[in-house]
Protein backbone atom coordinates (compact mmCIF):
# COMPACT_ATOMS: atom_id res chain seq x y z
CA MET A 1 63.85 137.00 266.81
CA PRO A 2 66.37 135.05 264.93
CA PRO A 3 65.19 131.48 264.46
CA GLU A 4 68.65 130.08 265.46
CA LEU A 5 68.02 131.05 269.20
CA ASP A 6 66.97 128.03 271.18
CA ALA A 7 64.73 128.35 274.24
CA VAL A 8 67.63 128.86 276.77
CA ARG A 9 69.23 131.53 274.54
CA LEU A 10 65.89 133.26 274.10
CA HIS A 11 65.50 133.36 277.93
CA ILE A 12 68.89 134.88 278.24
CA ARG A 13 67.84 137.52 275.69
CA GLU A 14 64.69 138.30 277.61
CA ILE A 15 66.52 138.59 280.96
CA LEU A 16 69.03 140.98 279.45
CA LEU A 17 66.34 143.10 278.00
CA ALA A 18 63.87 142.94 281.03
CA ASP A 19 66.18 142.92 283.89
CA TRP A 20 69.65 144.27 282.90
CA ASP A 21 69.06 146.62 279.91
CA PRO A 22 71.70 149.33 280.58
CA SER A 23 70.95 150.96 277.17
CA ASP A 24 67.18 150.96 277.74
CA ALA A 25 66.72 149.07 274.61
CA VAL A 26 63.44 147.41 275.74
CA ARG A 27 61.68 150.68 274.90
CA PHE A 28 62.43 150.13 271.15
CA GLU A 29 61.06 147.09 269.30
CA ALA A 30 63.84 147.38 266.64
CA ALA A 31 66.46 147.10 269.37
CA CYS A 32 65.39 143.66 270.73
CA GLY A 33 68.67 142.24 269.56
CA GLU A 34 70.65 144.90 271.31
CA TYR A 35 72.49 142.48 273.64
CA ASP A 36 72.59 139.40 271.45
CA ALA A 37 76.43 139.57 271.31
CA GLU A 38 76.23 138.79 275.07
CA ILE A 39 74.06 135.62 274.79
CA GLU A 40 76.84 133.19 273.83
CA PRO A 41 79.35 134.36 276.51
CA LEU A 42 76.58 134.19 279.24
CA TYR A 43 75.44 130.83 277.92
CA ALA A 44 79.04 129.51 278.13
CA LEU A 45 79.30 130.86 281.80
CA ILE A 46 76.04 129.27 282.75
CA ARG A 47 77.14 125.86 281.20
CA SER A 48 80.57 126.09 282.83
CA GLY A 49 79.17 126.02 286.29
CA ALA A 50 80.03 129.65 286.97
CA GLY A 51 78.55 131.26 290.05
CA GLU A 52 76.73 134.55 290.72
CA GLU A 53 79.96 136.46 291.12
CA ALA A 54 81.28 135.52 287.75
CA ILE A 55 78.03 136.27 286.03
CA MET A 56 77.90 139.76 287.83
CA ASP A 57 81.54 140.40 287.01
CA HIS A 58 80.82 139.74 283.32
CA LEU A 59 77.78 142.00 283.20
CA PHE A 60 79.57 144.70 285.16
CA ALA A 61 82.53 144.59 282.69
CA ARG A 62 80.30 144.86 279.78
CA GLU A 63 78.61 147.93 281.22
CA ARG A 64 81.95 149.56 281.72
CA GLU A 65 83.73 148.52 278.56
CA ILE A 66 81.07 148.42 275.94
CA MET A 67 78.48 150.75 277.19
CA CYS A 68 80.83 153.22 278.97
CA PHE A 69 78.77 153.08 282.26
CA PRO A 70 80.26 154.70 285.35
CA GLY A 71 81.05 152.44 288.36
CA LEU A 72 77.58 151.87 289.74
CA GLY A 73 78.58 148.84 291.77
CA LYS A 74 77.84 145.16 291.08
CA GLU A 75 75.39 144.27 293.86
CA ARG A 76 72.47 145.43 291.78
CA LEU A 77 73.54 142.79 289.19
CA ARG A 78 72.96 139.87 291.69
CA ARG A 79 69.16 139.48 290.82
CA VAL A 80 69.98 139.33 287.18
CA ALA A 81 72.70 136.83 287.73
CA ARG A 82 70.39 134.70 289.80
CA LYS A 83 67.78 134.72 287.01
CA LEU A 84 70.37 133.70 284.49
CA LEU A 85 71.71 130.87 286.65
CA LYS A 86 68.15 129.37 287.06
CA LEU A 87 68.41 128.61 283.29
CA ARG A 88 71.22 126.06 284.09
CA SER A 89 68.51 123.50 284.90
CA THR A 90 66.82 124.06 281.57
CA GLN A 91 69.95 123.93 279.28
CA GLY A 92 70.15 120.97 276.78
């Protein structure tokens, strides 16, 4: 893990790998940074006071635009959004 990631950003990375992971990157140790480009945008959303829907919209858009996922629906992303939003209370 890059040393520049603080605790909140590390948690975001962990949630993306363990709970979102549309590329199944968690299976490959070398791919632990697969979603690092999403950490800062998600961190900004969390800090901005965004709600579940905004987080879900962001993740859904990333799946469709970057990872070329078909429309699988957003409701399955609610659990991931809730985990990410819990980090709001731990941000610095």
